[in-house]
Amino acid sequence: MTAPEQDAAAPLTDAEIWPLLGVRVRSGDLELRAPDDRMLLDLARLAARGVHPPDYMPFLVPWTRGTPVQVARSVVTYQWGLRQRTTPADWAIELAVVRDGVPLGTQGMYAKDFAITRSAETGSWLGLEHHHQGIGTRMRLMILHLLFEGLGAQHATTSAFADNPGSSGVTRKIGYRENGVAHQAREGGPVESRLYVLDRADWDARRDELRLDVEMEGVEALRDQLGLS
């Protein structure tokens, strides 16, 4: 058999079929990577144990309400749906936040027409048992590193409810600027959402303590999948 015939017969790797599966963003003991179905089930179990105190809702869609089984199923059905939104025109990518092989939550990035706007939104959740350990700041910095250094973003946006000062505190610490408010409905009542933007110049000017050592793998293939090559 000739070499070309051998190459043609070689099975495709998972990352060749779906480049997002080959992406790794590492800093210290944390890693961001796309969850396969096994890890997705572990994320569902984590969410079923709690994502926030029961007397507060940090999400517009109250997916954390319900029995543990209902919450877990909300996680897997939502994540399965996101896989359809990994196209150049519209992507919603949520990476698992992993430490020692164990998922702690998810860190997402979302964009439409990114090749034109170079702007993406971020959002995340952590299992309640992993709150108040500095993980939220680190995983935000890691996804911003992927956006700005890996994908060539010029703007990153985020938002937080006015009654969620912890999230806004992380956002301001990183260097985002306030960018208006949105008036929304949450669980049948009105709520004010504060909007923030971080431009490339803000990212480049961030303080030294916010400059993590970050390693990335699989980014070029992801750029190709997202139409950025």
C-alpha atoms as a PDB file:
ATOM      1  CA  MET A   1       0.000   0.000   0.000  1.00  0.00           C
ATOM      2  CA  THR A   2       1.366   3.421  -0.907  1.00  0.00           C
ATOM      3  CA  ALA A   3       1.763   6.223   1.592  1.00  0.00           C
ATOM      4  CA  PRO A   4      -1.159   8.270   0.196  1.00  0.00           C
ATOM      5  CA  GLU A   5      -3.423   5.217   0.478  1.00  0.00           C
ATOM      6  CA  GLN A   6      -2.325   4.731   4.094  1.00  0.00           C
ATOM      7  CA  ASP A   7      -3.058   8.396   4.874  1.00  0.00           C
ATOM      8  CA  ALA A   8      -6.493   8.152   3.280  1.00  0.00           C
ATOM      9  CA  ALA A   9      -7.309   5.120   5.408  1.00  0.00           C
ATOM     10  CA  ALA A  10      -6.282   6.757   8.689  1.00  0.00           C
ATOM     11  CA  PRO A  11      -9.328   7.426  10.873  1.00  0.00           C
ATOM     12  CA  LEU A  12     -10.212  11.018  11.610  1.00  0.00           C
ATOM     13  CA  THR A  13      -9.421  12.197  15.119  1.00  0.00           C
ATOM     14  CA  ASP A  14     -12.110  13.705  17.349  1.00  0.00           C
ATOM     15  CA  ALA A  15     -10.533  17.162  16.988  1.00  0.00           C
ATOM     16  CA  GLU A  16     -10.406  16.855  13.190  1.00  0.00           C
ATOM     17  CA  ILE A  17     -14.138  16.183  13.152  1.00  0.00           C
ATOM     18  CA  TRP A  18     -14.980  18.841  15.764  1.00  0.00           C
ATOM     19  CA  PRO A  19     -12.014  21.189  16.412  1.00  0.00           C
ATOM     20  CA  LEU A  20     -13.554  22.628  19.563  1.00  0.00           C
ATOM     21  CA  LEU A  21     -12.824  19.287  21.269  1.00  0.00           C
ATOM     22  CA  GLY A  22      -9.101  19.910  20.818  1.00  0.00           C
ATOM     23  CA  VAL A  23      -9.074  23.321  22.516  1.00  0.00           C
ATOM     24  CA  ARG A  24      -7.283  23.580  25.855  1.00  0.00           C
ATOM     25  CA  VAL A  25      -6.722  26.772  27.845  1.00  0.00           C
ATOM     26  CA  ARG A  26      -4.545  26.159  30.909  1.00  0.00           C
ATOM     27  CA  SER A  27      -3.384  28.365  33.759  1.00  0.00           C
ATOM     28  CA  GLY A  28      -1.975  26.881  36.953  1.00  0.00           C
ATOM     29  CA  ASP A  29      -4.285  24.118  38.150  1.00  0.00           C
ATOM     30  CA  LEU A  30      -7.253  25.225  36.010  1.00  0.00           C
ATOM     31  CA  GLU A  31      -8.118  24.180  32.488  1.00  0.00           C
ATOM     32  CA  LEU A  32     -10.912  25.203  30.112  1.00  0.00           C
ATOM     33  CA  ARG A  33     -12.033  22.589  27.606  1.00  0.00           C
ATOM     34  CA  ALA A  34     -15.165  21.562  25.740  1.00  0.00           C
ATOM     35  CA  PRO A  35     -17.068  18.928  27.726  1.00  0.00           C
ATOM     36  CA  ASP A  36     -17.717  15.564  26.134  1.00  0.00           C
ATOM     37  CA  ASP A  37     -20.876  13.722  27.162  1.00  0.00           C
ATOM     38  CA  ARG A  38     -19.175  12.064  30.147  1.00  0.00           C
ATOM     39  CA  MET A  39     -17.994  15.388  31.546  1.00  0.00           C
ATOM     40  CA  LEU A  40     -21.337  16.949  30.682  1.00  0.00           C
ATOM     41  CA  LEU A  41     -23.066  14.442  32.950  1.00  0.00           C
ATOM     42  CA  ASP A  42     -20.623  15.345  35.729  1.00  0.00           C
ATOM     43  CA  LEU A  43     -21.425  19.049  35.182  1.00  0.00           C
ATOM     44  CA  ALA A  44     -25.119  18.190  35.442  1.00  0.00           C
ATOM     45  CA  ARG A  45     -24.540  16.436  38.767  1.00  0.00           C
ATOM     46  CA  LEU A  46     -22.567  19.432  40.006  1.00  0.00           C
ATOM     47  CA  ALA A  47     -25.356  21.850  39.085  1.00  0.00           C
ATOM     48  CA  ALA A  48     -27.901  19.573  40.755  1.00  0.00           C
ATOM     49  CA  ARG A  49     -26.039  20.092  44.049  1.00  0.00           C
ATOM     50  CA  GLY A  50     -26.476  23.866  43.759  1.00  0.00           C
ATOM     51  CA  VAL A  51     -25.154  26.830  41.795  1.00  0.00           C
ATOM     52  CA  HIS A  52     -26.313  29.724  43.986  1.00  0.00           C
ATOM     53  CA  PRO A  53     -28.163  30.323  47.269  1.00  0.00           C
ATOM     54  CA  PRO A  54     -31.841  29.338  46.948  1.00  0.00           C
ATOM     55  CA  ASP A  55     -33.074  32.846  47.779  1.00  0.00           C
ATOM     56  CA  TYR A  56     -31.330  34.429  44.771  1.00  0.00           C
ATOM     57  CA  MET A  57     -31.521  33.983  40.989  1.00  0.00           C
ATOM     58  CA  PRO A  58     -28.500  35.174  38.928  1.00  0.00           C
ATOM     59  CA  PHE A  59     -29.935  34.026  35.567  1.00  0.00           C
ATOM     60  CA  LEU A  60     -32.713  35.369  33.354  1.00  0.00           C
ATOM     61  CA  VAL A  61     -33.777  31.804  32.563  1.00  0.00           C
ATOM     62  CA  PRO A  62     -34.248  30.091  35.958  1.00  0.00           C
ATOM     63  CA  TRP A  63     -32.716  26.793  34.902  1.00  0.00           C
ATOM     64  CA  THR A  64     -31.461  26.159  38.428  1.00  0.00           C
ATOM     65  CA  ARG A  65     -34.997  25.881  39.845  1.00  0.00           C
ATOM     66  CA  GLY A  66     -36.543  22.459  40.276  1.00  0.00           C
ATOM     67  CA  THR A  67     -35.583  19.063  41.594  1.00  0.00           C
ATOM     68  CA  PRO A  68     -31.985  17.863  41.258  1.00  0.00           C
ATOM     69  CA  VAL A  69     -33.048  15.689  38.315  1.00  0.00           C
ATOM     70  CA  GLN A  70     -34.773  18.623  36.596  1.00  0.00           C
ATOM     71  CA  VAL A  71     -31.743  20.869  37.042  1.00  0.00           C
ATOM     72  CA  ALA A  72     -29.381  18.182  35.766  1.00  0.00           C
ATOM     73  CA  ARG A  73     -31.539  17.580  32.699  1.00  0.00           C
ATOM     74  CA  SER A  74     -31.661  21.322  32.026  1.00  0.00           C
ATOM     75  CA  VAL A  75     -27.864  21.341  31.886  1.00  0.00           C
ATOM     76  CA  VAL A  76     -27.499  18.476  29.431  1.00  0.00           C
ATOM     77  CA  THR A  77     -30.334  19.537  27.107  1.00  0.00           C
ATOM     78  CA  TYR A  78     -29.040  23.114  26.983  1.00  0.00           C
ATOM     79  CA  GLN A  79     -25.477  22.001  26.278  1.00  0.00           C
ATOM     80  CA  TRP A  80     -26.584  19.591  23.559  1.00  0.00           C
ATOM     81  CA  GLY A  81     -28.437  22.470  21.922  1.00  0.00           C
ATOM     82  CA  LEU A  82     -25.355  24.702  22.002  1.00  0.00           C
ATOM     83  CA  ARG A  83     -23.458  22.300  19.778  1.00  0.00           C
ATOM     84  CA  GLN A  84     -25.574  23.485  16.860  1.00  0.00           C
ATOM     85  CA  ARG A  85     -24.342  27.044  17.486  1.00  0.00           C
ATOM     86  CA  THR A  86     -20.693  26.669  16.552  1.00  0.00           C
ATOM     87  CA  THR A  87     -20.731  28.368  13.166  1.00  0.00           C
ATOM     88  CA  PRO A  88     -18.903  31.435  11.843  1.00  0.00           C
ATOM     89  CA  ALA A  89     -22.123  33.471  11.876  1.00  0.00           C
ATOM     90  CA  ASP A  90     -23.363  32.489  15.324  1.00  0.00           C
ATOM     91  CA  TRP A  91     -21.478  30.744  18.089  1.00  0.00           C
ATOM     92  CA  ALA A  92     -22.249  29.937  21.693  1.00  0.00           C
ATOM     93  CA  ILE A  93     -19.326  28.061  23.188  1.00  0.00           C
ATOM     94  CA  GLU A  94     -19.300  26.925  26.807  1.00  0.00           C
ATOM     95  CA  LEU A  95     -16.105  25.343  28.102  1.00  0.00           C
ATOM     96  CA  ALA A  96     -15.913  23.279  31.251  1.00  0.00           C
ATOM     97  CA  VAL A  97     -13.737  24.712  34.026  1.00  0.00           C
ATOM     98  CA  VAL A  98     -11.685  21.721  35.163  1.00  0.00           C
ATOM     99  CA  ARG A  99      -9.298  21.110  38.060  1.00  0.00           C
ATOM    100  CA  ASP A 100      -7.575  17.731  38.474  1.00  0.00           C
ATOM    101  CA  GLY A 101     -10.005  16.246  35.964  1.00  0.00           C
ATOM    102  CA  VAL A 102     -13.051  17.397  37.936  1.00  0.00           C
ATOM    103  CA  PRO A 103     -15.431  20.008  36.437  1.00  0.00           C
ATOM    104  CA  LEU A 104     -16.141  23.027  38.629  1.00  0.00           C
ATOM    105  CA  GLY A 105     -18.538  24.906  36.318  1.00  0.00           C
ATOM    106  CA  THR A 106     -18.605  26.429  32.846  1.00  0.00           C
ATOM    107  CA  GLN A 107     -17.177  29.522  31.200  1.00  0.00           C
ATOM    108  CA  GLY A 108     -18.900  30.613  28.015  1.00  0.00           C
ATOM    109  CA  MET A 109     -18.323  32.999  25.106  1.00  0.00           C
ATOM    110  CA  TYR A 110     -21.041  34.011  22.666  1.00  0.00           C
ATOM    111  CA  ALA A 111     -20.951  35.989  19.423  1.00  0.00           C
ATOM    112  CA  LYS A 112     -22.771  36.721  16.200  1.00  0.00           C
ATOM    113  CA  ASP A 113     -20.832  37.812  13.101  1.00  0.00           C
ATOM    114  CA  PHE A 114     -17.639  37.835  15.168  1.00  0.00           C
ATOM    115  CA  ALA A 115     -15.418  38.043  12.075  1.00  0.00           C
ATOM    116  CA  ILE A 116     -16.971  41.464  11.427  1.00  0.00           C
ATOM    117  CA  THR A 117     -17.683  42.834  14.921  1.00  0.00           C
ATOM    118  CA  ARG A 118     -14.757  41.218  16.773  1.00  0.00           C
ATOM    119  CA  SER A 119     -17.014  41.399  19.833  1.00  0.00           C
ATOM    120  CA  ALA A 120     -18.166  38.573  22.115  1.00  0.00           C
ATOM    121  CA  GLU A 121     -20.141  38.237  25.345  1.00  0.00           C
ATOM    122  CA  THR A 122     -19.000  36.095  28.262  1.00  0.00           C
ATOM    123  CA  GLY A 123     -21.001  34.285  30.932  1.00  0.00           C
ATOM    124  CA  SER A 124     -20.359  31.571  33.476  1.00  0.00           C
ATOM    125  CA  TRP A 125     -21.473  29.538  36.449  1.00  0.00           C
ATOM    126  CA  LEU A 126     -19.661  27.706  39.225  1.00  0.00           C
ATOM    127  CA  GLY A 127     -20.918  24.971  41.480  1.00  0.00           C
ATOM    128  CA  LEU A 128     -21.858  26.511  44.828  1.00  0.00           C
ATOM    129  CA  GLU A 129     -19.199  24.442  46.588  1.00  0.00           C
ATOM    130  CA  HIS A 130     -16.503  26.233  44.541  1.00  0.00           C
ATOM    131  CA  HIS A 131     -17.555  29.818  45.251  1.00  0.00           C
ATOM    132  CA  HIS A 132     -15.332  32.346  47.060  1.00  0.00           C
ATOM    133  CA  GLN A 133     -12.043  30.684  46.078  1.00  0.00           C
ATOM    134  CA  GLY A 134     -10.899  33.150  43.406  1.00  0.00           C
ATOM    135  CA  ILE A 135     -11.823  30.711  40.633  1.00  0.00           C
ATOM    136  CA  GLY A 136     -14.340  33.061  39.018  1.00  0.00           C
ATOM    137  CA  THR A 137     -11.738  35.746  38.352  1.00  0.00           C
ATOM    138  CA  ARG A 138      -9.207  33.274  36.985  1.00  0.00           C
ATOM    139  CA  MET A 139     -11.592  31.545  34.610  1.00  0.00           C
ATOM    140  CA  ARG A 140     -12.809  34.918  33.284  1.00  0.00           C
ATOM    141  CA  LEU A 141      -9.220  35.956  32.618  1.00  0.00           C
ATOM    142  CA  MET A 142      -8.613  32.650  30.846  1.00  0.00           C
ATOM    143  CA  ILE A 143     -11.579  33.011  28.498  1.00  0.00           C
ATOM    144  CA  LEU A 144     -10.586  36.619  27.813  1.00  0.00           C
ATOM    145  CA  HIS A 145      -7.088  35.401  26.940  1.00  0.00           C
ATOM    146  CA  LEU A 146      -8.638  32.985  24.441  1.00  0.00           C
ATOM    147  CA  LEU A 147     -10.829  35.731  22.991  1.00  0.00           C
ATOM    148  CA  PHE A 148      -8.219  38.487  22.724  1.00  0.00           C
ATOM    149  CA  GLU A 149      -4.988  36.540  22.190  1.00  0.00           C
ATOM    150  CA  GLY A 150      -6.389  33.473  20.456  1.00  0.00           C
ATOM    151  CA  LEU A 151      -9.350  34.682  18.395  1.00  0.00           C
ATOM    152  CA  GLY A 152      -8.441  38.324  17.844  1.00  0.00           C
ATOM    153  CA  ALA A 153     -11.315  39.977  19.698  1.00  0.00           C
ATOM    154  CA  GLN A 154     -11.418  43.757  19.989  1.00  0.00           C
ATOM    155  CA  HIS A 155     -14.266  43.943  22.498  1.00  0.00           C
ATOM    156  CA  ALA A 156     -15.621  41.687  25.256  1.00  0.00           C
ATOM    157  CA  THR A 157     -18.932  42.403  26.929  1.00  0.00           C
ATOM    158  CA  THR A 158     -20.696  41.069  30.004  1.00  0.00           C
ATOM    159  CA  SER A 159     -23.523  41.973  32.332  1.00  0.00           C
ATOM    160  CA  ALA A 160     -24.672  41.456  35.904  1.00  0.00           C
ATOM    161  CA  PHE A 161     -27.873  42.130  37.769  1.00  0.00           C
ATOM    162  CA  ALA A 162     -27.772  45.184  40.009  1.00  0.00           C
ATOM    163  CA  ASP A 163     -28.354  42.936  43.023  1.00  0.00           C
ATOM    164  CA  ASN A 164     -25.313  40.763  42.186  1.00  0.00           C
ATOM    165  CA  PRO A 165     -22.395  42.910  43.431  1.00  0.00           C
ATOM    166  CA  GLY A 166     -19.994  39.968  43.487  1.00  0.00           C
ATOM    167  CA  SER A 167     -20.169  39.489  39.730  1.00  0.00           C
ATOM    168  CA  SER A 168     -19.866  43.215  39.077  1.00  0.00           C
ATOM    169  CA  GLY A 169     -16.894  43.357  41.449  1.00  0.00           C
ATOM    170  CA  VAL A 170     -14.984  40.765  39.421  1.00  0.00           C
ATOM    171  CA  THR A 171     -15.872  42.610  36.221  1.00  0.00           C
ATOM    172  CA  ARG A 172     -14.670  45.993  37.453  1.00  0.00           C
ATOM    173  CA  LYS A 173     -11.495  44.498  38.934  1.00  0.00           C
ATOM    174  CA  ILE A 174     -10.507  43.128  35.535  1.00  0.00           C
ATOM    175  CA  GLY A 175     -10.916  46.555  33.941  1.00  0.00           C
ATOM    176  CA  TYR A 176     -14.308  46.571  32.225  1.00  0.00           C
ATOM    177  CA  ARG A 177     -16.064  49.908  31.848  1.00  0.00           C
ATOM    178  CA  GLU A 178     -19.755  50.493  32.494  1.00  0.00           C
ATOM    179  CA  ASN A 179     -21.714  50.485  29.242  1.00  0.00           C
ATOM    180  CA  GLY A 180     -25.329  51.209  30.166  1.00  0.00           C
ATOM    181  CA  VAL A 181     -28.199  49.290  31.730  1.00  0.00           C
ATOM    182  CA  ALA A 182     -30.892  46.926  30.496  1.00  0.00           C
ATOM    183  CA  HIS A 183     -34.321  46.554  32.079  1.00  0.00           C
ATOM    184  CA  GLN A 184     -35.392  42.925  32.036  1.00  0.00           C
ATOM    185  CA  ALA A 185     -37.885  40.495  33.537  1.00  0.00           C
ATOM    186  CA  ARG A 186     -36.655  37.912  36.027  1.00  0.00           C
ATOM    187  CA  GLU A 187     -38.979  35.345  37.574  1.00  0.00           C
ATOM    188  CA  GLY A 188     -42.011  37.524  36.963  1.00  0.00           C
ATOM    189  CA  GLY A 189     -40.560  40.795  38.230  1.00  0.00           C
ATOM    190  CA  PRO A 190     -38.438  43.666  36.876  1.00  0.00           C
ATOM    191  CA  VAL A 191     -34.687  43.703  37.301  1.00  0.00           C
ATOM    192  CA  GLU A 192     -31.919  46.053  36.205  1.00  0.00           C
ATOM    193  CA  SER A 193     -28.935  44.540  34.470  1.00  0.00           C
ATOM    194  CA  ARG A 194     -25.695  46.506  34.346  1.00  0.00           C
ATOM    195  CA  LEU A 195     -23.732  46.262  31.115  1.00  0.00           C
ATOM    196  CA  TYR A 196     -19.941  46.317  30.820  1.00  0.00           C
ATOM    197  CA  VAL A 197     -17.400  46.375  27.998  1.00  0.00           C
ATOM    198  CA  LEU A 198     -13.679  45.592  27.898  1.00  0.00           C
ATOM    199  CA  ASP A 199     -11.875  46.838  24.794  1.00  0.00           C
ATOM    200  CA  ARG A 200      -8.557  45.519  23.517  1.00  0.00           C
ATOM    201  CA  ALA A 201      -6.785  48.602  24.875  1.00  0.00           C
ATOM    202  CA  ASP A 202      -8.270  47.937  28.332  1.00  0.00           C
ATOM    203  CA  TRP A 203      -7.117  44.332  28.155  1.00  0.00           C
ATOM    204  CA  ASP A 204      -3.592  45.336  27.164  1.00  0.00           C
ATOM    205  CA  ALA A 205      -3.461  47.878  30.023  1.00  0.00           C
ATOM    206  CA  ARG A 206      -4.618  45.495  32.777  1.00  0.00           C
ATOM    207  CA  ARG A 207      -2.639  45.343  36.010  1.00  0.00           C
ATOM    208  CA  ASP A 208       0.239  42.900  36.454  1.00  0.00           C
ATOM    209  CA  GLU A 209      -1.676  40.744  38.955  1.00  0.00           C
ATOM    210  CA  LEU A 210      -4.267  40.105  36.237  1.00  0.00           C
ATOM    211  CA  ARG A 211      -1.685  38.800  33.759  1.00  0.00           C
ATOM    212  CA  LEU A 212      -1.913  35.043  34.203  1.00  0.00           C
ATOM    213  CA  ASP A 213       0.481  32.576  32.621  1.00  0.00           C
ATOM    214  CA  VAL A 214      -1.804  30.924  30.065  1.00  0.00           C
ATOM    215  CA  GLU A 215      -1.132  28.106  27.617  1.00  0.00           C
ATOM    216  CA  MET A 216      -3.480  27.353  24.711  1.00  0.00           C
ATOM    217  CA  GLU A 217      -3.822  24.352  22.404  1.00  0.00           C
ATOM    218  CA  GLY A 218      -5.994  23.768  19.357  1.00  0.00           C
ATOM    219  CA  VAL A 219      -6.741  27.431  18.726  1.00  0.00           C
ATOM    220  CA  GLU A 220      -5.766  27.484  15.041  1.00  0.00           C
ATOM    221  CA  ALA A 221      -8.181  24.661  14.267  1.00  0.00           C
ATOM    222  CA  LEU A 222     -10.894  26.457  16.227  1.00  0.00           C
ATOM    223  CA  ARG A 223     -10.212  29.648  14.262  1.00  0.00           C
ATOM    224  CA  ASP A 224     -10.750  27.678  11.079  1.00  0.00           C
ATOM    225  CA  GLN A 225     -13.997  26.189  12.432  1.00  0.00           C
ATOM    226  CA  LEU A 226     -15.208  29.713  13.267  1.00  0.00           C
ATOM    227  CA  GLY A 227     -14.206  31.144   9.891  1.00  0.00           C
ATOM    228  CA  LEU A 228     -11.351  33.270  11.256  1.00  0.00           C
ATOM    229  CA  SER A 229      -8.394  31.778   9.399  1.00  0.00           C
END
